[in-house]
């Protein structure tokens, strides 16, 4: 079993979730066409890998989590990685999602219907994507309004992505919007921000929001 330790490392490195010892064993057996794998030898290789990546030379380490093994960035480099993730997330947001996010950032806590009143289009899809990306979160409900609509606000993850401590550190709207060209709030020809070909039914409770 030549380069067994490197094969084990590659299995763990390529997985987005923790890899159990049983899964590693199964893969190694298939790789080496049914050869018997000494479990003690596997344990030793795993222990050696854990020890190897403790060295300051490496920016990541191998941890045992949830009964399996997974590589993690060391704490000293968390901020570096979060900046990259933030850049990627911002690039992936559609224009409609960015508009909705901006409204929630500047006016939050705010309801979905209030966002729609400003944008002039349905915001279901945008709100859903922003929740999925953990850029916004539920901030409670408007208790004295019909249907008790949900309030949304930006998350600490949003603040971290944009390098600020609170939403009051966002630039003033007058500095980022040109009033003569601003169309936010105008009723657009399109009445939904859902991707082309996607339809949805809004239940009566959601409509009440």
N, C-alpha and C. Protein backbone atom coordinates (compact mmCIF):
# COMPACT_ATOMS: atom_id res chain seq x y z
N UNK A 1 0.85 -1.20 0.00
CA UNK A 1 0.00 0.00 0.00
C UNK A 1 0.88 1.24 0.00
N UNK A 2 1.36 1.56 -1.16
CA UNK A 2 2.28 2.67 -1.30
C UNK A 2 1.59 4.01 -1.06
N UNK A 3 2.26 4.90 -0.33
CA UNK A 3 1.75 6.25 -0.05
C UNK A 3 0.36 6.23 0.61
N UNK A 4 0.14 5.29 1.51
CA UNK A 4 -1.17 5.16 2.15
C UNK A 4 -1.58 6.44 2.87
N UNK A 5 -0.62 7.05 3.58
CA UNK A 5 -0.96 8.26 4.32
C UNK A 5 -1.42 9.38 3.39
N UNK A 6 -0.77 9.51 2.23
CA UNK A 6 -1.16 10.54 1.27
C UNK A 6 -2.56 10.27 0.71
N UNK A 7 -2.88 8.99 0.50
CA UNK A 7 -4.22 8.63 0.03
C UNK A 7 -5.27 9.02 1.07
N UNK A 8 -4.95 8.76 2.33
CA UNK A 8 -5.89 9.11 3.41
C UNK A 8 -6.09 10.62 3.46
N UNK A 9 -5.00 11.37 3.36
CA UNK A 9 -5.09 12.84 3.37
C UNK A 9 -5.96 13.35 2.23
N UNK A 10 -5.79 12.77 1.04
CA UNK A 10 -6.55 13.23 -0.13
C UNK A 10 -8.04 12.97 0.04
N UNK A 11 -8.39 11.85 0.68
CA UNK A 11 -9.80 11.54 0.92
C UNK A 11 -10.43 12.59 1.83
N UNK A 12 -9.73 12.90 2.91
CA UNK A 12 -10.26 13.87 3.87
C UNK A 12 -10.30 15.27 3.26
N UNK A 13 -9.25 15.63 2.54
CA UNK A 13 -9.14 16.96 1.95
C UNK A 13 -10.25 17.22 0.93
N UNK A 14 -10.63 16.18 0.17
CA UNK A 14 -11.60 16.37 -0.91
C UNK A 14 -13.04 16.37 -0.43
N UNK A 15 -13.28 16.03 0.82
CA UNK A 15 -14.65 15.95 1.34
C UNK A 15 -15.07 17.25 2.01
N UNK A 16 -16.31 17.66 1.76
CA UNK A 16 -16.83 18.89 2.38
C UNK A 16 -17.33 18.64 3.79
N UNK A 17 -17.47 17.36 4.16
CA UNK A 17 -17.92 17.00 5.51
C UNK A 17 -16.90 16.04 6.13
N UNK A 18 -17.06 15.81 7.43
CA UNK A 18 -16.14 14.91 8.12
C UNK A 18 -16.23 13.50 7.53
N UNK A 19 -15.07 12.87 7.38
CA UNK A 19 -15.00 11.51 6.82
C UNK A 19 -14.74 10.53 7.95
N UNK A 20 -15.60 9.54 8.09
CA UNK A 20 -15.44 8.55 9.17
C UNK A 20 -14.31 7.57 8.84
N UNK A 21 -13.81 6.92 9.87
CA UNK A 21 -12.75 5.93 9.68
C UNK A 21 -13.26 4.77 8.83
N UNK A 22 -14.55 4.45 9.00
CA UNK A 22 -15.15 3.36 8.22
C UNK A 22 -15.16 3.69 6.74
N UNK A 23 -15.49 4.95 6.40
CA UNK A 23 -15.50 5.37 4.99
C UNK A 23 -14.09 5.33 4.40
N UNK A 24 -13.12 5.76 5.21
CA UNK A 24 -11.73 5.73 4.75
C UNK A 24 -11.30 4.30 4.47
N UNK A 25 -11.63 3.39 5.39
CA UNK A 25 -11.29 1.98 5.22
C UNK A 25 -11.89 1.41 3.95
N UNK A 26 -13.16 1.72 3.72
CA UNK A 26 -13.86 1.21 2.54
C UNK A 26 -13.20 1.70 1.25
N UNK A 27 -12.85 2.97 1.22
CA UNK A 27 -12.20 3.53 0.03
C UNK A 27 -10.83 2.91 -0.20
N UNK A 28 -10.08 2.73 0.87
CA UNK A 28 -8.73 2.16 0.74
C UNK A 28 -8.79 0.72 0.24
N UNK A 29 -9.75 -0.04 0.76
CA UNK A 29 -9.91 -1.44 0.33
C UNK A 29 -10.23 -1.50 -1.16
N UNK A 30 -11.13 -0.62 -1.63
CA UNK A 30 -11.47 -0.58 -3.05
C UNK A 30 -10.27 -0.14 -3.88
N UNK A 31 -9.52 0.83 -3.36
CA UNK A 31 -8.37 1.35 -4.09
C UNK A 31 -7.32 0.26 -4.30
N UNK A 32 -7.06 -0.50 -3.24
CA UNK A 32 -6.01 -1.52 -3.32
C UNK A 32 -6.59 -2.91 -3.60
N UNK A 33 -7.76 -2.92 -4.22
CA UNK A 33 -8.38 -4.15 -4.74
C UNK A 33 -8.49 -5.26 -3.70
N UNK A 34 -9.12 -4.92 -2.60
CA UNK A 34 -9.46 -5.95 -1.63
C UNK A 34 -8.39 -6.33 -0.64
N UNK A 35 -7.24 -5.67 -0.66
CA UNK A 35 -6.19 -5.99 0.32
C UNK A 35 -6.69 -5.68 1.73
N UNK A 36 -6.28 -6.50 2.67
CA UNK A 36 -6.69 -6.31 4.06
C UNK A 36 -5.94 -5.11 4.64
N UNK A 37 -6.71 -4.21 5.25
CA UNK A 37 -6.11 -3.01 5.84
C UNK A 37 -6.06 -3.19 7.36
N UNK A 38 -4.88 -3.06 7.90
CA UNK A 38 -4.72 -3.15 9.35
C UNK A 38 -5.30 -1.90 9.99
N UNK A 39 -6.35 -2.06 10.81
CA UNK A 39 -7.02 -0.90 11.41
C UNK A 39 -6.08 -0.12 12.33
N UNK A 40 -5.19 -0.82 13.00
CA UNK A 40 -4.23 -0.14 13.86
C UNK A 40 -3.28 0.73 13.04
N UNK A 41 -2.93 0.24 11.84
CA UNK A 41 -2.08 1.01 10.95
C UNK A 41 -2.81 2.27 10.49
N UNK A 42 -4.10 2.13 10.19
CA UNK A 42 -4.90 3.28 9.78
C UNK A 42 -4.98 4.31 10.91
N UNK A 43 -5.20 3.82 12.14
CA UNK A 43 -5.25 4.72 13.30
C UNK A 43 -3.93 5.48 13.46
N UNK A 44 -2.83 4.77 13.24
CA UNK A 44 -1.53 5.40 13.38
C UNK A 44 -1.32 6.48 12.32
N UNK A 45 -1.73 6.18 11.08
CA UNK A 45 -1.61 7.17 10.01
C UNK A 45 -2.46 8.40 10.31
N UNK A 46 -3.66 8.20 10.80
CA UNK A 46 -4.55 9.32 11.14
C UNK A 46 -3.93 10.17 12.26
N UNK A 47 -3.38 9.50 13.26
CA UNK A 47 -2.73 10.22 14.36
C UNK A 47 -1.52 11.00 13.85
N UNK A 48 -0.78 10.41 12.91
CA UNK A 48 0.38 11.09 12.35
C UNK A 48 -0.03 12.33 11.55
N UNK A 49 -1.14 12.21 10.83
CA UNK A 49 -1.62 13.35 10.04
C UNK A 49 -2.06 14.50 10.97
N UNK A 50 -2.78 14.12 12.04
CA UNK A 50 -3.19 15.13 13.02
C UNK A 50 -1.98 15.86 13.58
N UNK A 51 -0.97 15.10 13.95
CA UNK A 51 0.24 15.68 14.52
C UNK A 51 1.00 16.53 13.49
N UNK A 52 1.05 16.05 12.27
CA UNK A 52 1.77 16.74 11.19
C UNK A 52 1.26 18.17 11.00
N UNK A 53 -0.07 18.32 10.97
CA UNK A 53 -0.65 19.63 10.66
C UNK A 53 -0.76 20.56 11.88
N UNK A 54 -0.25 20.10 13.02
CA UNK A 54 -0.17 20.99 14.18
C UNK A 54 0.98 21.98 14.02
N UNK A 55 1.89 21.68 13.15
CA UNK A 55 3.06 22.55 12.94
C UNK A 55 2.62 23.93 12.47
N UNK A 56 3.29 24.97 12.97
CA UNK A 56 2.96 26.35 12.62
C UNK A 56 3.11 26.62 11.12
N UNK A 57 3.84 25.78 10.45
CA UNK A 57 4.07 25.94 9.01
C UNK A 57 2.76 25.88 8.23
N UNK A 58 1.78 25.10 8.75
CA UNK A 58 0.51 24.91 8.05
C UNK A 58 -0.55 25.87 8.58
N UNK A 59 -1.39 26.36 7.68
CA UNK A 59 -2.47 27.28 8.06
C UNK A 59 -3.77 26.53 8.38
N UNK A 60 -3.76 25.22 8.23
CA UNK A 60 -4.95 24.42 8.53
C UNK A 60 -4.53 23.21 9.37
N UNK A 61 -5.54 22.53 9.94
CA UNK A 61 -5.27 21.40 10.81
C UNK A 61 -6.33 20.34 10.62
N UNK A 62 -6.03 19.13 11.05
CA UNK A 62 -6.99 18.03 10.97
C UNK A 62 -7.64 17.85 12.33
N UNK A 63 -8.98 17.88 12.32
CA UNK A 63 -9.71 17.71 13.58
C UNK A 63 -10.63 16.50 13.51
N UNK A 64 -10.88 15.91 14.68
CA UNK A 64 -11.86 14.84 14.80
C UNK A 64 -13.17 15.50 15.20
N UNK A 65 -14.19 15.37 14.34
CA UNK A 65 -15.47 16.04 14.60
C UNK A 65 -16.61 15.16 14.12
N UNK A 66 -17.61 15.00 14.99
CA UNK A 66 -18.77 14.19 14.63
C UNK A 66 -18.41 12.75 14.26
N UNK A 67 -17.40 12.21 14.92
CA UNK A 67 -17.01 10.84 14.64
C UNK A 67 -16.21 10.67 13.37
N UNK A 68 -15.77 11.77 12.76
CA UNK A 68 -14.99 11.69 11.53
C UNK A 68 -13.85 12.70 11.53
N UNK A 69 -13.14 12.75 10.42
CA UNK A 69 -11.97 13.63 10.29
C UNK A 69 -12.23 14.69 9.23
N UNK A 70 -11.84 15.93 9.54
CA UNK A 70 -12.05 17.02 8.59
C UNK A 70 -10.98 18.09 8.79
N UNK A 71 -10.53 18.68 7.66
CA UNK A 71 -9.56 19.76 7.72
C UNK A 71 -10.26 21.08 8.03
N UNK A 72 -9.65 21.89 8.90
CA UNK A 72 -10.17 23.21 9.25
C UNK A 72 -9.04 24.23 9.21
N UNK A 73 -9.38 25.46 8.80
CA UNK A 73 -8.42 26.54 8.88
C UNK A 73 -8.13 26.84 10.35
N UNK A 74 -6.89 27.10 10.68
CA UNK A 74 -6.55 27.44 12.06
C UNK A 74 -7.11 28.82 12.42
N UNK A 75 -7.45 29.03 13.70
CA UNK A 75 -8.09 30.29 14.14
C UNK A 75 -7.37 31.55 13.67
N UNK A 76 -6.06 31.53 13.59
CA UNK A 76 -5.30 32.73 13.20
C UNK A 76 -5.63 33.18 11.78
N UNK A 77 -6.22 32.29 10.98
CA UNK A 77 -6.49 32.62 9.58
C UNK A 77 -7.98 32.68 9.26
N UNK A 78 -8.83 32.63 10.29
CA UNK A 78 -10.27 32.69 10.06
C UNK A 78 -10.69 33.99 9.36
N UNK A 79 -10.11 35.10 9.79
CA UNK A 79 -10.47 36.39 9.21
C UNK A 79 -10.11 36.44 7.72
N UNK A 80 -8.95 35.90 7.37
CA UNK A 80 -8.52 35.87 5.98
C UNK A 80 -9.52 35.12 5.11
N UNK A 81 -9.93 33.95 5.59
CA UNK A 81 -10.86 33.12 4.84
C UNK A 81 -12.23 33.78 4.75
N UNK A 82 -12.67 34.43 5.82
CA UNK A 82 -13.99 35.07 5.82
C UNK A 82 -14.05 36.19 4.79
N UNK A 83 -12.94 36.88 4.56
CA UNK A 83 -12.91 37.94 3.55
C UNK A 83 -13.13 37.34 2.17
N UNK A 84 -12.46 36.23 1.88
CA UNK A 84 -12.62 35.57 0.58
C UNK A 84 -14.05 35.07 0.39
N UNK A 85 -14.59 34.44 1.44
CA UNK A 85 -15.96 33.94 1.36
C UNK A 85 -16.92 35.09 1.12
N UNK A 86 -16.68 36.20 1.83
CA UNK A 86 -17.54 37.38 1.67
C UNK A 86 -17.51 37.91 0.25
N UNK A 87 -16.33 37.95 -0.35
CA UNK A 87 -16.21 38.42 -1.73
C UNK A 87 -16.97 37.52 -2.68
N UNK A 88 -16.89 36.21 -2.47
CA UNK A 88 -17.58 35.27 -3.34
C UNK A 88 -19.08 35.39 -3.18
N UNK A 89 -19.54 35.54 -1.93
CA UNK A 89 -20.97 35.64 -1.69
C UNK A 89 -21.54 36.89 -2.35
N UNK A 90 -20.79 38.00 -2.24
CA UNK A 90 -21.27 39.25 -2.84
C UNK A 90 -21.36 39.11 -4.35
N UNK A 91 -20.41 38.41 -4.96
CA UNK A 91 -20.42 38.23 -6.40
C UNK A 91 -21.60 37.38 -6.85
N UNK A 92 -22.02 36.46 -6.01
CA UNK A 92 -23.08 35.55 -6.39
C UNK A 92 -24.47 36.16 -6.23
N UNK A 93 -24.60 37.25 -5.52
CA UNK A 93 -25.91 37.84 -5.31
C UNK A 93 -26.41 38.52 -6.58
N UNK A 94 -27.68 38.29 -6.90
CA UNK A 94 -28.28 38.94 -8.06
C UNK A 94 -28.56 40.40 -7.72
N UNK A 95 -28.87 41.19 -8.74
CA UNK A 95 -29.19 42.60 -8.52
C UNK A 95 -30.40 42.74 -7.61
N UNK A 96 -31.42 41.90 -7.83
CA UNK A 96 -32.63 41.97 -7.01
C UNK A 96 -32.34 41.63 -5.56
N UNK A 97 -31.45 40.63 -5.34
CA UNK A 97 -31.10 40.26 -3.97
C UNK A 97 -30.30 41.37 -3.30
N UNK A 98 -29.40 42.02 -4.06
CA UNK A 98 -28.63 43.13 -3.51
C UNK A 98 -29.53 44.30 -3.14
N UNK A 99 -30.52 44.58 -3.98
CA UNK A 99 -31.45 45.68 -3.68
C UNK A 99 -32.21 45.38 -2.39
N UNK A 100 -32.70 44.14 -2.27
CA UNK A 100 -33.44 43.74 -1.06
C UNK A 100 -32.53 43.80 0.16
N UNK A 101 -31.30 43.32 0.01
CA UNK A 101 -30.34 43.35 1.11
C UNK A 101 -30.05 44.78 1.55
N UNK A 102 -29.92 45.69 0.59
CA UNK A 102 -29.64 47.09 0.91
C UNK A 102 -30.80 47.70 1.71
N UNK A 103 -32.02 47.37 1.32
CA UNK A 103 -33.20 47.90 2.03
C UNK A 103 -33.20 47.40 3.47
N UNK A 104 -32.94 46.10 3.65
CA UNK A 104 -32.94 45.52 5.00
C UNK A 104 -31.79 46.09 5.83
N UNK A 105 -30.65 46.32 5.19
CA UNK A 105 -29.50 46.87 5.91
C UNK A 105 -29.78 48.29 6.39
N UNK A 106 -30.37 49.11 5.52
CA UNK A 106 -30.59 50.52 5.86
C UNK A 106 -31.87 50.76 6.67
N UNK A 107 -32.90 49.94 6.47
CA UNK A 107 -34.19 50.21 7.13
C UNK A 107 -34.57 49.16 8.16
N UNK A 108 -33.79 48.06 8.24
CA UNK A 108 -34.16 46.98 9.15
C UNK A 108 -34.16 47.37 10.62
N UNK A 109 -34.91 46.63 11.43
CA UNK A 109 -35.76 45.51 11.05
C UNK A 109 -36.93 45.98 10.17
N UNK A 110 -37.21 45.21 9.12
CA UNK A 110 -38.22 45.60 8.15
C UNK A 110 -38.93 44.34 7.66
N UNK A 111 -40.20 44.46 7.28
CA UNK A 111 -40.95 43.31 6.79
C UNK A 111 -40.73 43.13 5.29
N UNK A 112 -41.09 41.95 4.81
CA UNK A 112 -40.97 41.68 3.38
C UNK A 112 -41.86 42.61 2.57
N UNK A 113 -43.06 42.86 3.07
CA UNK A 113 -43.98 43.74 2.35
C UNK A 113 -43.43 45.16 2.25
N UNK A 114 -42.74 45.62 3.29
CA UNK A 114 -42.14 46.95 3.24
C UNK A 114 -41.04 46.99 2.18
N UNK A 115 -40.28 45.89 2.07
CA UNK A 115 -39.26 45.80 1.02
C UNK A 115 -39.91 45.88 -0.36
N UNK A 116 -41.03 45.18 -0.50
CA UNK A 116 -41.72 45.16 -1.79
C UNK A 116 -42.30 46.53 -2.13
N UNK A 117 -42.75 47.25 -1.11
CA UNK A 117 -43.29 48.59 -1.34
C UNK A 117 -42.21 49.53 -1.87
N UNK A 118 -40.99 49.33 -1.40
CA UNK A 118 -39.87 50.17 -1.84
C UNK A 118 -39.38 49.75 -3.22
N UNK A 119 -39.24 48.43 -3.42
CA UNK A 119 -38.72 47.94 -4.70
C UNK A 119 -39.78 47.91 -5.80
N UNK A 120 -41.03 47.73 -5.40
CA UNK A 120 -42.10 47.66 -6.40
C UNK A 120 -42.25 46.30 -7.03
N UNK A 121 -41.57 45.28 -6.47
CA UNK A 121 -41.68 43.92 -7.00
C UNK A 121 -41.74 42.93 -5.85
N UNK A 122 -42.19 41.71 -6.15
CA UNK A 122 -42.22 40.63 -5.17
C UNK A 122 -40.80 40.30 -4.71
N UNK A 123 -40.61 40.13 -3.40
CA UNK A 123 -39.27 39.89 -2.85
C UNK A 123 -39.10 38.51 -2.23
N UNK A 124 -40.06 37.62 -2.46
CA UNK A 124 -39.99 36.29 -1.85
C UNK A 124 -38.67 35.59 -2.13
N UNK A 125 -38.28 35.54 -3.40
CA UNK A 125 -37.09 34.80 -3.79
C UNK A 125 -35.83 35.43 -3.20
N UNK A 126 -35.74 36.75 -3.27
CA UNK A 126 -34.57 37.44 -2.74
C UNK A 126 -34.42 37.21 -1.24
N UNK A 127 -35.52 37.33 -0.51
CA UNK A 127 -35.48 37.12 0.94
C UNK A 127 -35.04 35.69 1.24
N UNK A 128 -35.58 34.74 0.47
CA UNK A 128 -35.22 33.33 0.66
C UNK A 128 -33.72 33.10 0.44
N UNK A 129 -33.16 33.70 -0.63
CA UNK A 129 -31.73 33.52 -0.92
C UNK A 129 -30.86 34.19 0.13
N UNK A 130 -31.28 35.34 0.62
CA UNK A 130 -30.51 36.05 1.64
C UNK A 130 -30.51 35.29 2.96
N UNK A 131 -31.64 34.67 3.28
CA UNK A 131 -31.72 33.83 4.48
C UNK A 131 -30.82 32.61 4.31
N UNK A 132 -30.84 32.03 3.11
CA UNK A 132 -30.03 30.85 2.82
C UNK A 132 -28.54 31.16 2.96
N UNK A 133 -28.14 32.36 2.53
CA UNK A 133 -26.73 32.75 2.61
C UNK A 133 -26.38 33.33 3.98
N UNK A 134 -27.38 33.36 4.89
CA UNK A 134 -27.20 33.83 6.27
C UNK A 134 -26.74 35.29 6.32
N UNK A 135 -27.20 36.09 5.34
CA UNK A 135 -26.90 37.52 5.34
C UNK A 135 -27.99 38.30 6.06
N UNK A 136 -29.19 37.70 6.18
CA UNK A 136 -30.27 38.30 6.96
C UNK A 136 -30.84 37.23 7.89
N UNK A 137 -31.58 37.68 8.90
CA UNK A 137 -32.20 36.76 9.84
C UNK A 137 -33.50 37.35 10.34
N UNK A 138 -34.32 36.50 10.93
CA UNK A 138 -35.60 36.95 11.49
C UNK A 138 -35.32 37.74 12.76
N UNK A 139 -35.96 38.91 12.86
CA UNK A 139 -35.73 39.78 14.02
C UNK A 139 -36.99 39.92 14.87
N UNK A 140 -37.95 39.01 14.67
CA UNK A 140 -39.20 39.08 15.42
C UNK A 140 -40.40 39.28 14.51
N UNK A 141 -41.49 39.73 15.08
CA UNK A 141 -42.71 39.98 14.32
C UNK A 141 -43.33 41.30 14.75
N UNK A 142 -44.15 41.86 13.87
CA UNK A 142 -44.90 43.06 14.21
C UNK A 142 -46.17 42.59 14.91
N UNK A 143 -46.17 42.59 16.22
CA UNK A 143 -47.25 41.98 17.00
C UNK A 143 -48.60 42.67 16.81
N UNK A 144 -48.59 43.99 16.58
CA UNK A 144 -49.86 44.71 16.50
C UNK A 144 -50.36 44.88 15.07
N UNK A 145 -49.77 44.14 14.13
CA UNK A 145 -50.22 44.22 12.73
C UNK A 145 -50.92 42.93 12.34
N UNK A 146 -51.83 43.04 11.37
CA UNK A 146 -52.57 41.87 10.92
C UNK A 146 -51.62 40.80 10.38
N UNK A 147 -51.80 39.58 10.85
CA UNK A 147 -50.95 38.49 10.39
C UNK A 147 -49.59 38.42 11.06
N UNK A 148 -49.29 39.38 11.94
CA UNK A 148 -48.00 39.43 12.64
C UNK A 148 -46.84 39.19 11.68
N UNK A 149 -46.64 40.10 10.71
CA UNK A 149 -45.59 39.89 9.70
C UNK A 149 -44.20 39.79 10.31
N UNK A 150 -43.37 38.99 9.66
CA UNK A 150 -41.99 38.76 10.12
C UNK A 150 -41.12 39.97 9.81
N UNK A 151 -40.25 40.31 10.76
CA UNK A 151 -39.27 41.38 10.57
C UNK A 151 -37.91 40.76 10.24
N UNK A 152 -37.18 41.41 9.34
CA UNK A 152 -35.86 40.93 8.96
C UNK A 152 -34.79 41.98 9.25
N UNK A 153 -33.60 41.51 9.61
CA UNK A 153 -32.46 42.40 9.81
C UNK A 153 -31.21 41.69 9.29
N UNK A 154 -30.14 42.44 9.08
CA UNK A 154 -28.89 41.82 8.62
C UNK A 154 -28.23 41.09 9.78
N UNK A 155 -27.38 40.14 9.45
CA UNK A 155 -26.72 39.30 10.45
C UNK A 155 -25.30 39.80 10.75
N UNK A 156 -24.70 39.29 11.83
CA UNK A 156 -23.29 39.60 12.09
C UNK A 156 -22.40 39.18 10.92
N UNK A 157 -22.81 38.12 10.20
CA UNK A 157 -22.04 37.68 9.04
C UNK A 157 -22.00 38.77 7.97
N UNK A 158 -23.13 39.44 7.76
CA UNK A 158 -23.19 40.56 6.82
C UNK A 158 -22.21 41.66 7.25
N UNK A 159 -22.25 42.01 8.53
CA UNK A 159 -21.36 43.06 9.04
C UNK A 159 -19.91 42.66 8.85
N UNK A 160 -19.61 41.38 9.09
CA UNK A 160 -18.23 40.90 8.94
C UNK A 160 -17.80 40.96 7.49
N UNK A 161 -18.68 40.57 6.58
CA UNK A 161 -18.36 40.59 5.15
C UNK A 161 -18.00 42.00 4.69
N UNK A 162 -18.72 42.99 5.21
CA UNK A 162 -18.52 44.36 4.76
C UNK A 162 -17.58 45.16 5.66
N UNK A 163 -17.00 44.46 6.66
CA UNK A 163 -15.99 45.07 7.49
C UNK A 163 -16.49 46.20 8.38
N UNK A 164 -17.72 46.08 8.88
CA UNK A 164 -18.28 47.11 9.77
C UNK A 164 -18.77 46.45 11.05
N UNK A 165 -18.97 47.26 12.08
CA UNK A 165 -19.43 46.73 13.37
C UNK A 165 -20.93 46.88 13.57
N UNK A 166 -21.55 47.81 12.85
CA UNK A 166 -22.98 48.05 12.97
C UNK A 166 -23.47 48.72 11.69
N UNK A 167 -24.78 48.63 11.45
CA UNK A 167 -25.34 49.21 10.22
C UNK A 167 -25.21 50.72 10.16
N UNK A 168 -25.04 51.37 11.33
CA UNK A 168 -24.88 52.83 11.29
C UNK A 168 -23.54 53.25 10.72
N UNK A 169 -22.67 52.27 10.45
CA UNK A 169 -21.40 52.57 9.81
C UNK A 169 -21.48 52.47 8.29
N UNK A 170 -22.65 52.07 7.78
CA UNK A 170 -22.85 52.04 6.33
C UNK A 170 -22.78 53.47 5.78
N UNK A 171 -22.36 53.66 4.54
CA UNK A 171 -22.32 55.01 3.97
C UNK A 171 -23.71 55.62 3.90
N UNK A 172 -23.78 56.93 4.01
CA UNK A 172 -25.08 57.62 3.93
C UNK A 172 -25.67 57.39 2.54
N UNK A 173 -26.99 57.23 2.49
CA UNK A 173 -27.66 56.98 1.22
C UNK A 173 -27.37 58.08 0.20
N UNK A 174 -27.28 59.31 0.67
CA UNK A 174 -27.04 60.42 -0.25
C UNK A 174 -25.68 60.29 -0.93
N UNK A 175 -24.78 59.51 -0.30
CA UNK A 175 -23.45 59.34 -0.86
C UNK A 175 -23.39 58.22 -1.89
N UNK A 176 -24.40 57.31 -1.85
CA UNK A 176 -24.36 56.17 -2.77
C UNK A 176 -25.47 56.18 -3.81
N UNK A 177 -26.44 57.07 -3.63
CA UNK A 177 -27.54 57.15 -4.59
C UNK A 177 -27.57 58.51 -5.25
N UNK A 178 -27.79 58.53 -6.54
CA UNK A 178 -27.99 59.79 -7.27
C UNK A 178 -29.48 59.96 -7.44
N UNK A 179 -30.04 60.94 -6.76
CA UNK A 179 -31.49 61.09 -6.71
C UNK A 179 -32.13 61.17 -8.08
N UNK A 180 -31.48 61.83 -9.02
CA UNK A 180 -32.07 61.99 -10.34
C UNK A 180 -32.17 60.68 -11.10
N UNK A 181 -31.35 59.69 -10.71
CA UNK A 181 -31.36 58.43 -11.42
C UNK A 181 -31.97 57.31 -10.57
N UNK A 182 -32.37 57.62 -9.35
CA UNK A 182 -32.89 56.60 -8.46
C UNK A 182 -34.28 56.17 -8.88
N UNK A 183 -34.48 54.88 -9.09
CA UNK A 183 -35.79 54.36 -9.47
C UNK A 183 -36.36 53.43 -8.41
N UNK A 184 -35.68 53.35 -7.25
CA UNK A 184 -36.17 52.47 -6.19
C UNK A 184 -37.54 52.97 -5.74
N UNK A 185 -38.50 52.05 -5.70
CA UNK A 185 -39.85 52.41 -5.29
C UNK A 185 -40.79 52.57 -6.46
N UNK A 186 -40.26 52.77 -7.66
CA UNK A 186 -41.12 52.86 -8.82
C UNK A 186 -41.69 51.48 -9.12
N UNK A 187 -42.90 51.44 -9.60
CA UNK A 187 -43.52 50.16 -9.93
C UNK A 187 -42.92 49.65 -11.23
N UNK A 188 -42.22 48.54 -11.14
CA UNK A 188 -41.56 47.99 -12.32
C UNK A 188 -42.53 47.19 -13.17
N UNK A 189 -42.17 46.97 -14.42
CA UNK A 189 -43.01 46.18 -15.30
C UNK A 189 -43.08 44.73 -14.83
N UNK A 190 -41.92 44.24 -14.28
CA UNK A 190 -41.92 42.88 -13.76
C UNK A 190 -42.46 42.92 -12.35
N UNK A 191 -43.31 41.97 -11.98
CA UNK A 191 -43.93 42.02 -10.66
C UNK A 191 -43.36 40.96 -9.72
N UNK A 192 -42.25 40.36 -10.10
CA UNK A 192 -41.61 39.36 -9.24
C UNK A 192 -40.13 39.33 -9.52
N UNK A 193 -39.34 38.95 -8.50
CA UNK A 193 -37.91 38.82 -8.71
C UNK A 193 -37.51 37.36 -8.85
N UNK A 194 -38.51 36.47 -9.04
CA UNK A 194 -38.21 35.07 -9.23
C UNK A 194 -37.51 34.85 -10.56
N UNK A 195 -36.57 33.88 -10.62
CA UNK A 195 -35.89 33.60 -11.89
C UNK A 195 -36.89 33.19 -12.95
N UNK A 196 -36.59 33.43 -14.20
CA UNK A 196 -37.47 33.09 -15.30
C UNK A 196 -37.84 31.61 -15.25
N UNK A 197 -39.14 31.30 -15.38
CA UNK A 197 -39.57 29.91 -15.40
C UNK A 197 -39.94 29.37 -14.05
N UNK A 198 -39.70 30.15 -12.98
CA UNK A 198 -40.02 29.68 -11.63
C UNK A 198 -41.29 30.36 -11.18
N UNK A 199 -42.24 29.58 -10.69
CA UNK A 199 -43.49 30.15 -10.21
C UNK A 199 -43.65 29.81 -8.75
N UNK A 200 -44.49 30.57 -8.07
CA UNK A 200 -44.70 30.31 -6.65
C UNK A 200 -46.11 30.68 -6.25
N UNK A 201 -46.62 30.06 -5.20
CA UNK A 201 -47.91 30.41 -4.65
C UNK A 201 -47.68 31.00 -3.28
N UNK A 202 -48.18 32.20 -3.05
CA UNK A 202 -48.02 32.83 -1.74
C UNK A 202 -49.25 32.51 -0.92
N UNK A 203 -49.06 31.91 0.26
CA UNK A 203 -50.21 31.57 1.09
C UNK A 203 -50.80 32.81 1.72
N UNK A 204 -52.00 32.67 2.20
CA UNK A 204 -52.72 33.83 2.71
C UNK A 204 -52.05 34.46 3.89
N UNK A 205 -51.38 33.64 4.72
CA UNK A 205 -50.67 34.20 5.87
C UNK A 205 -49.53 35.08 5.42
N UNK A 206 -48.82 34.64 4.40
CA UNK A 206 -47.69 35.43 3.89
C UNK A 206 -48.21 36.70 3.25
N UNK A 207 -49.36 36.61 2.60
CA UNK A 207 -49.94 37.77 1.96
C UNK A 207 -50.28 38.85 2.99
N UNK A 208 -50.62 38.37 4.20
CA UNK A 208 -51.01 39.31 5.24
C UNK A 208 -49.85 40.17 5.68
N UNK A 209 -48.62 39.65 5.40
CA UNK A 209 -47.45 40.42 5.76
C UNK A 209 -47.30 41.63 4.87
